[in-house]
């Protein structure tokens, strides 16, 4: 009877040890799955952030190019306006200078 009780206790201890080892394996497997899922989510999040940054960078580059084109166009228009004004006023200014020289130095 005592031997029988000891055997039952030993069997129970073995079963408890087996259950403990099984539980540890399950916990380890669960931790690995969660770590893997976390890594996957982290990678996906990083990819989304990278994509957002690339999209924003592309958008800003396009906007900058549009502004550059607009500024070049405006600069060309202003340059042409200055050239037109210069051409219109050039002859009048030259005539005015000649008249002033004639008045100051007299006509020879």
N, C-alpha and C. Protein backbone atom coordinates (compact mmCIF):
# COMPACT_ATOMS: atom_id res chain seq x y z
N UNK A 1 0.81 -1.18 0.00
CA UNK A 1 0.00 0.00 0.00
C UNK A 1 0.86 1.27 0.00
N UNK A 2 1.92 1.28 0.80
CA UNK A 2 2.83 2.42 0.83
C UNK A 2 3.59 2.51 -0.48
N UNK A 3 4.01 1.35 -0.98
CA UNK A 3 4.71 1.34 -2.27
C UNK A 3 3.79 1.82 -3.38
N UNK A 4 2.56 1.38 -3.28
CA UNK A 4 1.58 1.81 -4.27
C UNK A 4 1.38 3.32 -4.22
N UNK A 5 1.31 3.87 -3.05
CA UNK A 5 1.14 5.31 -2.87
C UNK A 5 2.37 6.05 -3.39
N UNK A 6 3.56 5.49 -3.11
CA UNK A 6 4.79 6.11 -3.61
C UNK A 6 4.84 6.08 -5.13
N UNK A 7 4.42 4.98 -5.71
CA UNK A 7 4.38 4.88 -7.18
C UNK A 7 3.41 5.90 -7.76
N UNK A 8 2.26 6.03 -7.12
CA UNK A 8 1.29 7.02 -7.60
C UNK A 8 1.86 8.43 -7.49
N UNK A 9 2.54 8.69 -6.38
CA UNK A 9 3.15 10.02 -6.20
C UNK A 9 4.21 10.24 -7.27
N UNK A 10 5.04 9.22 -7.52
CA UNK A 10 6.07 9.34 -8.55
C UNK A 10 5.43 9.54 -9.93
N UNK A 11 4.37 8.78 -10.20
CA UNK A 11 3.66 8.95 -11.48
C UNK A 11 3.09 10.36 -11.59
N UNK A 12 2.51 10.82 -10.49
CA UNK A 12 1.93 12.17 -10.48
C UNK A 12 3.02 13.21 -10.69
N UNK A 13 4.17 13.02 -10.03
CA UNK A 13 5.29 13.96 -10.19
C UNK A 13 5.79 13.95 -11.63
N UNK A 14 5.87 12.77 -12.23
CA UNK A 14 6.29 12.67 -13.64
C UNK A 14 5.31 13.41 -14.54
N UNK A 15 4.01 13.17 -14.28
CA UNK A 15 2.99 13.84 -15.09
C UNK A 15 3.06 15.35 -14.92
N UNK A 16 3.26 15.78 -13.67
CA UNK A 16 3.39 17.22 -13.41
C UNK A 16 4.61 17.77 -14.15
N UNK A 17 5.73 17.05 -14.10
CA UNK A 17 6.94 17.49 -14.80
C UNK A 17 6.71 17.52 -16.31
N UNK A 18 6.04 16.51 -16.84
CA UNK A 18 5.72 16.49 -18.27
C UNK A 18 4.81 17.66 -18.63
N UNK A 19 3.81 17.92 -17.78
CA UNK A 19 2.90 19.04 -18.03
C UNK A 19 3.65 20.37 -17.96
N UNK A 20 4.59 20.46 -17.00
CA UNK A 20 5.39 21.69 -16.87
C UNK A 20 6.24 21.89 -18.12
N UNK A 21 6.87 20.83 -18.60
CA UNK A 21 7.69 20.93 -19.80
C UNK A 21 6.83 21.27 -21.02
N UNK A 22 5.67 20.64 -21.12
CA UNK A 22 4.74 20.94 -22.22
C UNK A 22 4.31 22.40 -22.17
N UNK A 23 3.98 22.86 -20.97
CA UNK A 23 3.57 24.26 -20.80
C UNK A 23 4.70 25.20 -21.19
N UNK A 24 5.94 24.87 -20.79
CA UNK A 24 7.09 25.70 -21.15
C UNK A 24 7.28 25.74 -22.67
N UNK A 25 7.12 24.59 -23.32
CA UNK A 25 7.25 24.54 -24.78
C UNK A 25 6.16 25.38 -25.43
N UNK A 26 4.93 25.26 -24.92
CA UNK A 26 3.82 26.04 -25.47
C UNK A 26 4.07 27.53 -25.28
N UNK A 27 4.56 27.90 -24.10
CA UNK A 27 4.87 29.31 -23.84
C UNK A 27 5.97 29.80 -24.77
N UNK A 28 7.01 28.99 -24.95
CA UNK A 28 8.10 29.35 -25.85
C UNK A 28 7.59 29.51 -27.28
N UNK A 29 6.77 28.56 -27.72
CA UNK A 29 6.18 28.64 -29.07
C UNK A 29 5.33 29.90 -29.20
N UNK A 30 4.52 30.17 -28.19
CA UNK A 30 3.66 31.35 -28.19
C UNK A 30 4.51 32.63 -28.27
N UNK A 31 5.58 32.68 -27.46
CA UNK A 31 6.47 33.85 -27.47
C UNK A 31 7.12 34.03 -28.84
N UNK A 32 7.53 32.91 -29.45
CA UNK A 32 8.16 32.99 -30.77
C UNK A 32 7.18 33.50 -31.81
N UNK A 33 5.94 32.99 -31.76
CA UNK A 33 4.92 33.44 -32.71
C UNK A 33 4.64 34.92 -32.53
N UNK A 34 4.52 35.35 -31.27
CA UNK A 34 4.25 36.76 -31.00
C UNK A 34 5.43 37.64 -31.43
N UNK A 35 6.64 37.17 -31.18
CA UNK A 35 7.82 37.93 -31.61
C UNK A 35 7.88 38.03 -33.13
N UNK A 36 7.54 36.93 -33.80
CA UNK A 36 7.52 36.92 -35.26
C UNK A 36 6.44 37.87 -35.79
N UNK A 37 5.26 37.83 -35.17
CA UNK A 37 4.17 38.72 -35.58
C UNK A 37 4.55 40.18 -35.34
N UNK A 38 5.18 40.44 -34.20
CA UNK A 38 5.63 41.79 -33.89
C UNK A 38 6.64 42.28 -34.93
N UNK A 39 7.59 41.41 -35.27
CA UNK A 39 8.60 41.77 -36.28
C UNK A 39 7.93 42.05 -37.62
N UNK A 40 6.95 41.22 -37.98
CA UNK A 40 6.23 41.42 -39.24
C UNK A 40 5.51 42.76 -39.23
N UNK A 41 4.81 43.06 -38.14
CA UNK A 41 4.10 44.33 -38.03
C UNK A 41 5.07 45.51 -38.04
N UNK A 42 6.20 45.33 -37.38
CA UNK A 42 7.21 46.38 -37.36
C UNK A 42 7.75 46.62 -38.77
N UNK A 43 8.03 45.55 -39.50
CA UNK A 43 8.52 45.68 -40.88
C UNK A 43 7.49 46.35 -41.77
N UNK A 44 6.22 45.94 -41.63
CA UNK A 44 5.15 46.55 -42.43
C UNK A 44 5.02 48.03 -42.11
N UNK A 45 5.09 48.35 -40.83
CA UNK A 45 4.99 49.75 -40.42
C UNK A 45 6.15 50.56 -40.98
N UNK A 46 7.34 50.00 -40.91
CA UNK A 46 8.52 50.69 -41.44
C UNK A 46 8.40 50.89 -42.94
N UNK A 47 7.87 49.89 -43.64
CA UNK A 47 7.68 50.01 -45.08
C UNK A 47 6.66 51.10 -45.40
N UNK A 48 5.59 51.15 -44.62
CA UNK A 48 4.58 52.19 -44.83
C UNK A 48 5.17 53.58 -44.61
N UNK A 49 5.96 53.72 -43.56
CA UNK A 49 6.60 55.00 -43.28
C UNK A 49 7.56 55.36 -44.41
N UNK A 50 8.34 54.40 -44.86
CA UNK A 50 9.27 54.65 -45.96
C UNK A 50 8.52 55.05 -47.23
N UNK A 51 7.42 54.38 -47.51
CA UNK A 51 6.63 54.71 -48.69
C UNK A 51 6.05 56.11 -48.56
N UNK A 52 5.55 56.45 -47.39
CA UNK A 52 5.01 57.79 -47.18
C UNK A 52 6.09 58.85 -47.38
N UNK A 53 7.28 58.57 -46.88
CA UNK A 53 8.38 59.52 -47.05
C UNK A 53 8.78 59.65 -48.51
N UNK A 54 8.84 58.52 -49.23
CA UNK A 54 9.17 58.58 -50.66
C UNK A 54 8.11 59.36 -51.43
N UNK A 55 6.83 59.09 -51.10
CA UNK A 55 5.74 59.81 -51.77
C UNK A 55 5.82 61.30 -51.50
N UNK A 56 6.07 61.66 -50.25
CA UNK A 56 6.16 63.08 -49.88
C UNK A 56 7.36 63.73 -50.55
N UNK A 57 8.47 63.02 -50.59
CA UNK A 57 9.66 63.55 -51.24
C UNK A 57 9.40 63.77 -52.74
N UNK A 58 8.74 62.80 -53.37
CA UNK A 58 8.41 62.94 -54.79
C UNK A 58 7.47 64.13 -55.00
N UNK A 59 6.48 64.25 -54.13
CA UNK A 59 5.52 65.34 -54.23
C UNK A 59 6.22 66.69 -54.09
N UNK A 60 7.12 66.79 -53.12
CA UNK A 60 7.85 68.05 -52.92
C UNK A 60 8.78 68.34 -54.09
N UNK A 61 9.39 67.30 -54.65
CA UNK A 61 10.27 67.49 -55.81
C UNK A 61 9.46 67.98 -57.01
N UNK A 62 8.27 67.43 -57.20
CA UNK A 62 7.41 67.88 -58.30
C UNK A 62 6.99 69.33 -58.08
N UNK A 63 6.63 69.65 -56.85
CA UNK A 63 6.22 71.01 -56.53
C UNK A 63 7.38 71.99 -56.75
N UNK A 64 8.57 71.58 -56.32
CA UNK A 64 9.75 72.42 -56.51
C UNK A 64 10.04 72.62 -58.00
N UNK A 65 9.89 71.57 -58.78
CA UNK A 65 10.11 71.68 -60.23
C UNK A 65 9.09 72.63 -60.86
N UNK A 66 7.84 72.54 -60.43
CA UNK A 66 6.81 73.45 -60.95
C UNK A 66 7.14 74.89 -60.60
N UNK A 67 7.58 75.12 -59.37
CA UNK A 67 7.95 76.48 -58.96
C UNK A 67 9.15 76.97 -59.76
N UNK A 68 10.11 76.08 -60.01
CA UNK A 68 11.29 76.46 -60.79
C UNK A 68 10.90 76.86 -62.21
N UNK A 69 10.03 76.07 -62.81
CA UNK A 69 9.56 76.37 -64.17
C UNK A 69 8.81 77.70 -64.19
N UNK A 70 7.97 77.91 -63.19
CA UNK A 70 7.21 79.16 -63.10
C UNK A 70 8.14 80.35 -62.94
N UNK A 71 9.12 80.23 -62.05
CA UNK A 71 10.06 81.33 -61.84
C UNK A 71 10.88 81.62 -63.09
N UNK A 72 11.30 80.57 -63.78
CA UNK A 72 12.04 80.77 -65.03
C UNK A 72 11.18 81.48 -66.06
N UNK A 73 9.94 81.08 -66.14
CA UNK A 73 9.02 81.70 -67.08
C UNK A 73 8.83 83.18 -66.75
N UNK A 74 8.63 83.46 -65.46
CA UNK A 74 8.45 84.86 -65.04
C UNK A 74 9.72 85.67 -65.30
N UNK A 75 10.88 85.06 -65.06
CA UNK A 75 12.15 85.76 -65.30
C UNK A 75 12.32 86.06 -66.78
N UNK A 76 11.95 85.12 -67.64
CA UNK A 76 12.05 85.35 -69.09
C UNK A 76 11.10 86.46 -69.52
N UNK A 77 9.89 86.45 -68.96
CA UNK A 77 8.93 87.51 -69.29
C UNK A 77 9.46 88.88 -68.86
N UNK A 78 10.00 88.96 -67.65
CA UNK A 78 10.54 90.23 -67.17
C UNK A 78 11.72 90.68 -68.02
N UNK A 79 12.58 89.74 -68.37
CA UNK A 79 13.72 90.07 -69.22
C UNK A 79 13.25 90.62 -70.56
N UNK A 80 12.24 89.98 -71.13
CA UNK A 80 11.71 90.44 -72.41
C UNK A 80 11.07 91.82 -72.26
N UNK A 81 10.36 92.04 -71.15
CA UNK A 81 9.75 93.35 -70.91
C UNK A 81 10.83 94.43 -70.81
N UNK A 82 11.91 94.13 -70.07
CA UNK A 82 13.00 95.10 -69.93
C UNK A 82 13.64 95.37 -71.29
N UNK A 83 13.82 94.34 -72.08
CA UNK A 83 14.41 94.53 -73.41
C UNK A 83 13.50 95.39 -74.29
N UNK A 84 12.20 95.10 -74.23
CA UNK A 84 11.25 95.89 -75.02
C UNK A 84 11.26 97.36 -74.58
N UNK A 85 11.24 97.59 -73.26
CA UNK A 85 11.27 98.96 -72.75
C UNK A 85 12.57 99.65 -73.15
N UNK A 86 13.67 98.91 -73.06
CA UNK A 86 14.97 99.46 -73.44
C UNK A 86 14.95 99.88 -74.91
N UNK A 87 14.46 98.98 -75.76
CA UNK A 87 14.42 99.28 -77.20
C UNK A 87 13.53 100.49 -77.48
N UNK A 88 12.40 100.57 -76.78
CA UNK A 88 11.49 101.70 -77.00
C UNK A 88 12.11 103.02 -76.56
N UNK A 89 12.82 102.99 -75.45
CA UNK A 89 13.33 104.24 -74.88
C UNK A 89 14.76 104.56 -75.32
N UNK A 90 15.43 103.60 -75.92
CA UNK A 90 16.83 103.78 -76.29
C UNK A 90 17.01 104.98 -77.22
N UNK A 91 16.25 105.02 -78.28
CA UNK A 91 16.39 106.11 -79.26
C UNK A 91 16.07 107.45 -78.63
N UNK A 92 15.02 107.50 -77.82
CA UNK A 92 14.65 108.76 -77.18
C UNK A 92 15.74 109.22 -76.22
N UNK A 93 16.34 108.31 -75.49
CA UNK A 93 17.40 108.66 -74.54
C UNK A 93 18.64 109.14 -75.29
N UNK A 94 19.00 108.45 -76.37
CA UNK A 94 20.17 108.86 -77.17
C UNK A 94 19.93 110.25 -77.73
N UNK A 95 18.73 110.50 -78.26
CA UNK A 95 18.41 111.83 -78.79
C UNK A 95 18.48 112.88 -77.68
N UNK A 96 17.99 112.56 -76.52
CA UNK A 96 18.01 113.49 -75.39
C UNK A 96 19.45 113.80 -74.98
N UNK A 97 20.30 112.79 -74.95
CA UNK A 97 21.70 113.00 -74.59
C UNK A 97 22.38 113.88 -75.63
N UNK A 98 22.12 113.63 -76.89
CA UNK A 98 22.71 114.43 -77.96
C UNK A 98 22.28 115.88 -77.82
N UNK A 99 21.00 116.12 -77.55
CA UNK A 99 20.50 117.48 -77.39
C UNK A 99 21.17 118.17 -76.20
N UNK A 100 21.36 117.46 -75.12
CA UNK A 100 22.00 118.06 -73.94
C UNK A 100 23.46 118.40 -74.24
N UNK A 101 24.13 117.49 -74.95
CA UNK A 101 25.53 117.75 -75.31
C UNK A 101 25.60 118.98 -76.21
N UNK A 102 24.68 119.09 -77.13
CA UNK A 102 24.67 120.24 -78.04
C UNK A 102 24.44 121.52 -77.25
N UNK A 103 23.53 121.47 -76.27
CA UNK A 103 23.25 122.66 -75.47
C UNK A 103 24.46 123.03 -74.63
N UNK A 104 25.10 122.03 -74.04
CA UNK A 104 26.24 122.31 -73.17
C UNK A 104 27.45 122.75 -73.98
N UNK A 105 27.76 122.07 -75.05
CA UNK A 105 28.98 122.34 -75.81
C UNK A 105 28.71 123.11 -77.09
N UNK A 106 27.48 123.25 -77.40
CA UNK A 106 27.12 123.93 -78.62
C UNK A 106 27.27 123.02 -79.81
N UNK A 107 26.65 123.38 -80.89
CA UNK A 107 26.70 122.53 -82.06
C UNK A 107 27.90 122.93 -82.88
N UNK A 108 28.64 122.05 -83.39
CA UNK A 108 29.88 122.37 -84.10
C UNK A 108 29.79 122.04 -85.54
